[in-house]
Amino acid sequence: MDSAEETAEGYRPWSEVTPDAARRLLVAAVEAFAERGYHATTTRDIAGRAGMSPAALYIHYKTKEELLHRISRIGHDKALEILATAAEAPGGAAGRLDAAVRSFVRWHAAHHTTARVVQYELDALAPEHRSEIVALRRRSDAAVRRILAEGVASGEFDVPDVPGTTLAVLSLCIDVARWFSADGRRTPDEVGALYADLVLRMVGARTPGARTPGSPA
């Protein structure tokens, strides 16, 4: 993870990890998992990237899988925070969906290396850890579903299938981590704005009570 990604939006992804040696190992693991994949990465690879010996790694993490779990847990906690904050904010559903998508996409773009590991290495987790992360994902899903359902109820959205649309919205946002490049022509903010507009069009966002084209006056 380069410094530009690490400090984007003033957010340091692993600032909650202490001591410094444990944090360095976590950052090195993110880089290695994103570049080589979890299964192709060894503890020696991780320790070498952190400038430490393999034996030093085991002082802080019992296994490679424990490292992945820590990374995944912190990343999914952040995702839930972003989406729950938007869902619980005051105002109409359209404004809250706009905020949710903008923030969620911006985070996946600004922290694309971290997000690729968080979102695409779920199956490498031990069963009990995978269950824990799946529960967090369900809460994120529920936050978006709540916004969509409230938008349908208020007349702001035209969404026949709320669960299916929730899945589509989240999949669209998460996929940004797979393709985003800091060398591309769009910034994380610009991608966030683009995707927010696309999602609002997807759900047929409109002002409550407004007359739709072709409807009686």
C-alpha atoms as a PDB file:
ATOM      1  CA  MET A   1       0.000   0.000   0.000  1.00  0.00           C
ATOM      2  CA  ASP A   2       1.599   3.284  -1.017  1.00  0.00           C
ATOM      3  CA  SER A   3       1.489   6.412   1.107  1.00  0.00           C
ATOM      4  CA  ALA A   4      -0.938   8.164  -1.248  1.00  0.00           C
ATOM      5  CA  GLU A   5      -3.491   5.425  -0.768  1.00  0.00           C
ATOM      6  CA  GLU A   6      -2.843   5.109   2.923  1.00  0.00           C
ATOM      7  CA  THR A   7      -3.517   8.762   3.729  1.00  0.00           C
ATOM      8  CA  ALA A   8      -6.325   9.476   1.244  1.00  0.00           C
ATOM      9  CA  GLU A   9      -9.182  11.456   2.790  1.00  0.00           C
ATOM     10  CA  GLY A  10      -7.165  11.736   6.001  1.00  0.00           C
ATOM     11  CA  TYR A  11      -7.905   8.093   6.771  1.00  0.00           C
ATOM     12  CA  ARG A  12      -5.066   5.832   7.854  1.00  0.00           C
ATOM     13  CA  PRO A  13      -6.491   2.325   7.493  1.00  0.00           C
ATOM     14  CA  TRP A  14      -4.370   0.632  10.128  1.00  0.00           C
ATOM     15  CA  SER A  15      -3.913   3.412  12.697  1.00  0.00           C
ATOM     16  CA  GLU A  16      -5.854   1.280  15.195  1.00  0.00           C
ATOM     17  CA  VAL A  17      -3.241  -1.498  14.948  1.00  0.00           C
ATOM     18  CA  THR A  18      -0.478  -1.349  17.546  1.00  0.00           C
ATOM     19  CA  PRO A  19       2.410  -1.638  18.179  1.00  0.00           C
ATOM     20  CA  ASP A  20       4.152  -0.261  15.096  1.00  0.00           C
ATOM     21  CA  ALA A  21       5.680  -3.635  14.215  1.00  0.00           C
ATOM     22  CA  ALA A  22       2.218  -5.227  14.072  1.00  0.00           C
ATOM     23  CA  ARG A  23       1.003  -2.420  11.838  1.00  0.00           C
ATOM     24  CA  ARG A  24       3.998  -2.770   9.484  1.00  0.00           C
ATOM     25  CA  LEU A  25       3.305  -6.469   9.140  1.00  0.00           C
ATOM     26  CA  LEU A  26      -0.353  -5.804   8.371  1.00  0.00           C
ATOM     27  CA  VAL A  27       0.518  -3.257   5.681  1.00  0.00           C
ATOM     28  CA  ALA A  28       3.042  -5.696   4.201  1.00  0.00           C
ATOM     29  CA  ALA A  29       0.420  -8.460   4.203  1.00  0.00           C
ATOM     30  CA  VAL A  30      -2.057  -6.233   2.342  1.00  0.00           C
ATOM     31  CA  GLU A  31       0.541  -5.510  -0.330  1.00  0.00           C
ATOM     32  CA  ALA A  32       1.495  -9.162  -0.680  1.00  0.00           C
ATOM     33  CA  PHE A  33      -2.069 -10.523  -0.706  1.00  0.00           C
ATOM     34  CA  ALA A  34      -3.159  -7.918  -3.277  1.00  0.00           C
ATOM     35  CA  GLU A  35      -0.174  -8.640  -5.518  1.00  0.00           C
ATOM     36  CA  ARG A  36       0.150 -12.416  -5.242  1.00  0.00           C
ATOM     37  CA  GLY A  37      -3.088 -13.625  -3.671  1.00  0.00           C
ATOM     38  CA  TYR A  38      -3.475 -15.048  -0.186  1.00  0.00           C
ATOM     39  CA  HIS A  39      -2.573 -18.656  -0.993  1.00  0.00           C
ATOM     40  CA  ALA A  40       0.550 -17.780  -3.000  1.00  0.00           C
ATOM     41  CA  THR A  41       1.883 -15.516  -0.238  1.00  0.00           C
ATOM     42  CA  THR A  42       4.137 -16.926   2.473  1.00  0.00           C
ATOM     43  CA  THR A  43       4.848 -15.571   5.941  1.00  0.00           C
ATOM     44  CA  ARG A  44       8.428 -15.085   4.754  1.00  0.00           C
ATOM     45  CA  ASP A  45       7.139 -12.825   1.938  1.00  0.00           C
ATOM     46  CA  ILE A  46       5.218 -10.720   4.459  1.00  0.00           C
ATOM     47  CA  ALA A  47       8.058 -10.453   6.955  1.00  0.00           C
ATOM     48  CA  GLY A  48      10.518  -9.532   4.209  1.00  0.00           C
ATOM     49  CA  ARG A  49       8.308  -6.706   2.964  1.00  0.00           C
ATOM     50  CA  ALA A  50       8.077  -5.395   6.516  1.00  0.00           C
ATOM     51  CA  GLY A  51      11.847  -5.566   6.934  1.00  0.00           C
ATOM     52  CA  MET A  52      11.538  -8.164   9.673  1.00  0.00           C
ATOM     53  CA  SER A  53      12.447 -11.805  10.213  1.00  0.00           C
ATOM     54  CA  PRO A  54       9.810 -14.554   9.804  1.00  0.00           C
ATOM     55  CA  ALA A  55      10.198 -15.330  13.504  1.00  0.00           C
ATOM     56  CA  ALA A  56       9.254 -11.737  14.364  1.00  0.00           C
ATOM     57  CA  LEU A  57       5.915 -12.145  12.580  1.00  0.00           C
ATOM     58  CA  TYR A  58       4.796 -14.845  14.994  1.00  0.00           C
ATOM     59  CA  ILE A  59       5.283 -12.514  17.948  1.00  0.00           C
ATOM     60  CA  HIS A  60       2.287 -10.510  16.698  1.00  0.00           C
ATOM     61  CA  TYR A  61       0.241 -13.007  14.635  1.00  0.00           C
ATOM     62  CA  LYS A  62      -0.059 -16.732  15.229  1.00  0.00           C
ATOM     63  CA  THR A  63      -0.822 -17.532  11.590  1.00  0.00           C
ATOM     64  CA  LYS A  64      -1.089 -15.994   8.135  1.00  0.00           C
ATOM     65  CA  GLU A  65      -4.839 -16.485   8.369  1.00  0.00           C
ATOM     66  CA  GLU A  66      -4.948 -14.393  11.543  1.00  0.00           C
ATOM     67  CA  LEU A  67      -3.394 -11.555   9.570  1.00  0.00           C
ATOM     68  CA  LEU A  68      -6.027 -11.880   6.848  1.00  0.00           C
ATOM     69  CA  HIS A  69      -8.800 -11.945   9.434  1.00  0.00           C
ATOM     70  CA  ARG A  70      -7.520  -8.760  11.063  1.00  0.00           C
ATOM     71  CA  ILE A  71      -7.330  -7.027   7.688  1.00  0.00           C
ATOM     72  CA  SER A  72     -10.793  -8.226   6.700  1.00  0.00           C
ATOM     73  CA  ARG A  73     -12.379  -7.270  10.009  1.00  0.00           C
ATOM     74  CA  ILE A  74     -11.029  -3.717   9.967  1.00  0.00           C
ATOM     75  CA  GLY A  75     -12.024  -3.251   6.320  1.00  0.00           C
ATOM     76  CA  HIS A  76     -15.545  -4.559   6.811  1.00  0.00           C
ATOM     77  CA  ASP A  77     -16.009  -2.470   9.954  1.00  0.00           C
ATOM     78  CA  LYS A  78     -15.114   0.596   7.861  1.00  0.00           C
ATOM     79  CA  ALA A  79     -17.535  -0.420   5.088  1.00  0.00           C
ATOM     80  CA  LEU A  80     -20.348  -0.862   7.603  1.00  0.00           C
ATOM     81  CA  GLU A  81     -19.560   2.491   9.206  1.00  0.00           C
ATOM     82  CA  ILE A  82     -19.806   4.255   5.829  1.00  0.00           C
ATOM     83  CA  LEU A  83     -23.107   2.654   4.846  1.00  0.00           C
ATOM     84  CA  ALA A  84     -24.775   2.770   8.270  1.00  0.00           C
ATOM     85  CA  THR A  85     -23.889   6.456   8.670  1.00  0.00           C
ATOM     86  CA  ALA A  86     -25.621   7.233   5.378  1.00  0.00           C
ATOM     87  CA  ALA A  87     -28.635   5.050   6.164  1.00  0.00           C
ATOM     88  CA  GLU A  88     -29.167   6.706   9.544  1.00  0.00           C
ATOM     89  CA  ALA A  89     -28.670  10.285   8.350  1.00  0.00           C
ATOM     90  CA  PRO A  90     -31.615  12.709   8.206  1.00  0.00           C
ATOM     91  CA  GLY A  91     -33.223  13.646   4.908  1.00  0.00           C
ATOM     92  CA  GLY A  92     -34.760  11.892   1.960  1.00  0.00           C
ATOM     93  CA  ALA A  93     -33.805   8.479   0.645  1.00  0.00           C
ATOM     94  CA  ALA A  94     -32.305   9.862  -2.582  1.00  0.00           C
ATOM     95  CA  GLY A  95     -29.879  12.084  -0.697  1.00  0.00           C
ATOM     96  CA  ARG A  96     -28.903   9.262   1.633  1.00  0.00           C
ATOM     97  CA  LEU A  97     -28.386   6.806  -1.238  1.00  0.00           C
ATOM     98  CA  ASP A  98     -26.265   9.392  -3.040  1.00  0.00           C
ATOM     99  CA  ALA A  99     -24.123   9.838   0.086  1.00  0.00           C
ATOM    100  CA  ALA A 100     -23.817   6.087   0.667  1.00  0.00           C
ATOM    101  CA  VAL A 101     -22.683   5.320  -2.874  1.00  0.00           C
ATOM    102  CA  ARG A 102     -20.339   8.316  -3.132  1.00  0.00           C
ATOM    103  CA  SER A 103     -18.598   7.458   0.137  1.00  0.00           C
ATOM    104  CA  PHE A 104     -18.492   3.707  -0.428  1.00  0.00           C
ATOM    105  CA  VAL A 105     -17.106   4.023  -3.959  1.00  0.00           C
ATOM    106  CA  ARG A 106     -14.649   6.739  -2.960  1.00  0.00           C
ATOM    107  CA  TRP A 107     -13.254   4.505  -0.213  1.00  0.00           C
ATOM    108  CA  HIS A 108     -12.892   1.529  -2.564  1.00  0.00           C
ATOM    109  CA  ALA A 109     -11.079   3.698  -5.095  1.00  0.00           C
ATOM    110  CA  ALA A 110      -8.843   5.593  -2.659  1.00  0.00           C
ATOM    111  CA  HIS A 111      -7.929   2.370  -0.853  1.00  0.00           C
ATOM    112  CA  HIS A 112      -8.154  -0.012  -3.787  1.00  0.00           C
ATOM    113  CA  THR A 113      -5.235  -2.203  -2.711  1.00  0.00           C
ATOM    114  CA  THR A 114      -6.709  -2.744   0.741  1.00  0.00           C
ATOM    115  CA  ALA A 115     -10.232  -3.127  -0.632  1.00  0.00           C
ATOM    116  CA  ARG A 116      -9.198  -5.857  -3.082  1.00  0.00           C
ATOM    117  CA  VAL A 117      -7.945  -7.969  -0.199  1.00  0.00           C
ATOM    118  CA  VAL A 118     -10.915  -7.161   2.030  1.00  0.00           C
ATOM    119  CA  GLN A 119     -13.517  -7.930  -0.627  1.00  0.00           C
ATOM    120  CA  TYR A 120     -11.981 -10.778  -2.622  1.00  0.00           C
ATOM    121  CA  GLU A 121     -10.177 -13.036  -0.131  1.00  0.00           C
ATOM    122  CA  LEU A 122     -13.215 -13.990   1.934  1.00  0.00           C
ATOM    123  CA  ASP A 123     -12.999 -17.685   1.059  1.00  0.00           C
ATOM    124  CA  ALA A 124      -9.458 -17.937   2.462  1.00  0.00           C
ATOM    125  CA  LEU A 125     -10.701 -17.245   5.988  1.00  0.00           C
ATOM    126  CA  ALA A 126     -11.213 -20.012   8.535  1.00  0.00           C
ATOM    127  CA  PRO A 127     -14.901 -21.002   8.900  1.00  0.00           C
ATOM    128  CA  GLU A 128     -15.467 -19.136  12.176  1.00  0.00           C
ATOM    129  CA  HIS A 129     -13.800 -15.992  10.838  1.00  0.00           C
ATOM    130  CA  ARG A 130     -15.676 -16.229   7.561  1.00  0.00           C
ATOM    131  CA  SER A 131     -18.971 -16.418   9.459  1.00  0.00           C
ATOM    132  CA  GLU A 132     -18.041 -13.300  11.401  1.00  0.00           C
ATOM    133  CA  ILE A 133     -17.267 -11.349   8.229  1.00  0.00           C
ATOM    134  CA  VAL A 134     -20.387 -12.603   6.467  1.00  0.00           C
ATOM    135  CA  ALA A 135     -22.437 -11.244   9.390  1.00  0.00           C
ATOM    136  CA  LEU A 136     -20.839  -7.819   8.877  1.00  0.00           C
ATOM    137  CA  ARG A 137     -21.619  -7.995   5.169  1.00  0.00           C
ATOM    138  CA  ARG A 138     -25.245  -8.737   5.953  1.00  0.00           C
ATOM    139  CA  ARG A 139     -25.416  -5.621   8.125  1.00  0.00           C
ATOM    140  CA  SER A 140     -23.960  -3.543   5.274  1.00  0.00           C
ATOM    141  CA  ASP A 141     -26.499  -5.102   2.931  1.00  0.00           C
ATOM    142  CA  ALA A 142     -29.269  -4.225   5.397  1.00  0.00           C
ATOM    143  CA  ALA A 143     -28.178  -0.567   5.517  1.00  0.00           C
ATOM    144  CA  VAL A 144     -28.485  -0.186   1.744  1.00  0.00           C
ATOM    145  CA  ARG A 145     -31.696  -2.211   1.638  1.00  0.00           C
ATOM    146  CA  ARG A 146     -33.174   0.098   4.267  1.00  0.00           C
ATOM    147  CA  ILE A 147     -32.476   3.181   2.154  1.00  0.00           C
ATOM    148  CA  LEU A 148     -33.992   1.579  -0.933  1.00  0.00           C
ATOM    149  CA  ALA A 149     -37.078   0.338   0.913  1.00  0.00           C
ATOM    150  CA  GLU A 150     -37.680   3.751   2.458  1.00  0.00           C
ATOM    151  CA  GLY A 151     -37.263   5.367  -0.971  1.00  0.00           C
ATOM    152  CA  VAL A 152     -39.865   3.023  -2.438  1.00  0.00           C
ATOM    153  CA  ALA A 153     -42.240   3.725   0.462  1.00  0.00           C
ATOM    154  CA  SER A 154     -41.844   7.503   0.065  1.00  0.00           C
ATOM    155  CA  GLY A 155     -42.275   7.407  -3.713  1.00  0.00           C
ATOM    156  CA  GLU A 156     -38.718   8.515  -4.412  1.00  0.00           C
ATOM    157  CA  PHE A 157     -37.629   5.230  -6.005  1.00  0.00           C
ATOM    158  CA  ASP A 158     -39.146   2.824  -8.494  1.00  0.00           C
ATOM    159  CA  VAL A 159     -37.599  -0.475  -7.420  1.00  0.00           C
ATOM    160  CA  PRO A 160     -39.681  -3.650  -7.946  1.00  0.00           C
ATOM    161  CA  ASP A 161     -37.003  -5.890  -6.383  1.00  0.00           C
ATOM    162  CA  VAL A 162     -35.322  -4.271  -3.362  1.00  0.00           C
ATOM    163  CA  PRO A 163     -33.102  -7.242  -2.352  1.00  0.00           C
ATOM    164  CA  GLY A 164     -31.908  -7.771  -5.917  1.00  0.00           C
ATOM    165  CA  THR A 165     -31.237  -4.074  -6.437  1.00  0.00           C
ATOM    166  CA  THR A 166     -29.341  -3.928  -3.141  1.00  0.00           C
ATOM    167  CA  LEU A 167     -27.050  -6.678  -4.379  1.00  0.00           C
ATOM    168  CA  ALA A 168     -26.553  -4.876  -7.697  1.00  0.00           C
ATOM    169  CA  VAL A 169     -25.680  -1.574  -6.010  1.00  0.00           C
ATOM    170  CA  LEU A 170     -23.174  -3.132  -3.619  1.00  0.00           C
ATOM    171  CA  SER A 171     -21.582  -5.232  -6.372  1.00  0.00           C
ATOM    172  CA  LEU A 172     -21.180  -2.160  -8.566  1.00  0.00           C
ATOM    173  CA  CYS A 173     -19.488  -0.231  -5.766  1.00  0.00           C
ATOM    174  CA  ILE A 174     -17.190  -3.028  -4.619  1.00  0.00           C
ATOM    175  CA  ASP A 175     -15.965  -3.791  -8.144  1.00  0.00           C
ATOM    176  CA  VAL A 176     -14.268  -0.387  -8.251  1.00  0.00           C
ATOM    177  CA  ALA A 177     -11.445  -1.852  -6.140  1.00  0.00           C
ATOM    178  CA  ARG A 178     -10.740  -4.407  -8.866  1.00  0.00           C
ATOM    179  CA  TRP A 179     -10.112  -1.959 -11.707  1.00  0.00           C
ATOM    180  CA  PHE A 180      -9.284   1.433 -10.169  1.00  0.00           C
ATOM    181  CA  SER A 181      -5.795   2.794 -10.764  1.00  0.00           C
ATOM    182  CA  ALA A 182      -4.262   5.905  -9.244  1.00  0.00           C
ATOM    183  CA  ASP A 183      -2.786   6.563 -12.694  1.00  0.00           C
ATOM    184  CA  GLY A 184      -6.224   6.619 -14.334  1.00  0.00           C
ATOM    185  CA  ARG A 185      -7.969   9.727 -15.572  1.00  0.00           C
ATOM    186  CA  ARG A 186     -10.573   9.841 -12.783  1.00  0.00           C
ATOM    187  CA  THR A 187     -10.001  10.609  -9.125  1.00  0.00           C
ATOM    188  CA  PRO A 188     -11.765   8.688  -6.322  1.00  0.00           C
ATOM    189  CA  ASP A 189     -14.104  11.675  -5.856  1.00  0.00           C
ATOM    190  CA  GLU A 190     -14.984  11.697  -9.554  1.00  0.00           C
ATOM    191  CA  VAL A 191     -15.653   7.960  -9.617  1.00  0.00           C
ATOM    192  CA  GLY A 192     -17.817   8.333  -6.505  1.00  0.00           C
ATOM    193  CA  ALA A 193     -19.872  11.081  -8.152  1.00  0.00           C
ATOM    194  CA  LEU A 194     -20.244   9.062 -11.377  1.00  0.00           C
ATOM    195  CA  TYR A 195     -21.432   5.943  -9.571  1.00  0.00           C
ATOM    196  CA  ALA A 196     -23.825   7.879  -7.336  1.00  0.00           C
ATOM    197  CA  ASP A 197     -25.459   9.321 -10.457  1.00  0.00           C
ATOM    198  CA  LEU A 198     -25.626   5.886 -12.087  1.00  0.00           C
ATOM    199  CA  VAL A 199     -27.232   4.297  -9.025  1.00  0.00           C
ATOM    200  CA  LEU A 200     -29.814   7.073  -8.655  1.00  0.00           C
ATOM    201  CA  ARG A 201     -30.747   6.542 -12.304  1.00  0.00           C
ATOM    202  CA  MET A 202     -30.903   2.788 -11.688  1.00  0.00           C
ATOM    203  CA  VAL A 203     -33.503   3.204  -8.945  1.00  0.00           C
ATOM    204  CA  GLY A 204     -35.518   5.815 -10.875  1.00  0.00           C
ATOM    205  CA  ALA A 205     -34.909   8.481  -8.242  1.00  0.00           C
ATOM    206  CA  ARG A 206     -37.400  11.336  -8.272  1.00  0.00           C
ATOM    207  CA  THR A 207     -38.813  13.925  -5.898  1.00  0.00           C
ATOM    208  CA  PRO A 208     -41.671  12.480  -3.805  1.00  0.00           C
ATOM    209  CA  GLY A 209     -45.025  13.455  -5.287  1.00  0.00           C
ATOM    210  CA  ALA A 210     -43.515  14.544  -8.597  1.00  0.00           C
ATOM    211  CA  ARG A 211     -45.448  13.563 -11.735  1.00  0.00           C
ATOM    212  CA  THR A 212     -43.672  10.932 -13.839  1.00  0.00           C
ATOM    213  CA  PRO A 213     -43.559  11.383 -17.637  1.00  0.00           C
ATOM    214  CA  GLY A 214     -46.811  10.238 -19.245  1.00  0.00           C
ATOM    215  CA  SER A 215     -48.767  10.201 -15.977  1.00  0.00           C
ATOM    216  CA  PRO A 216     -52.021  12.168 -15.634  1.00  0.00           C
ATOM    217  CA  ALA A 217     -51.661  15.763 -14.446  1.00  0.00           C
END
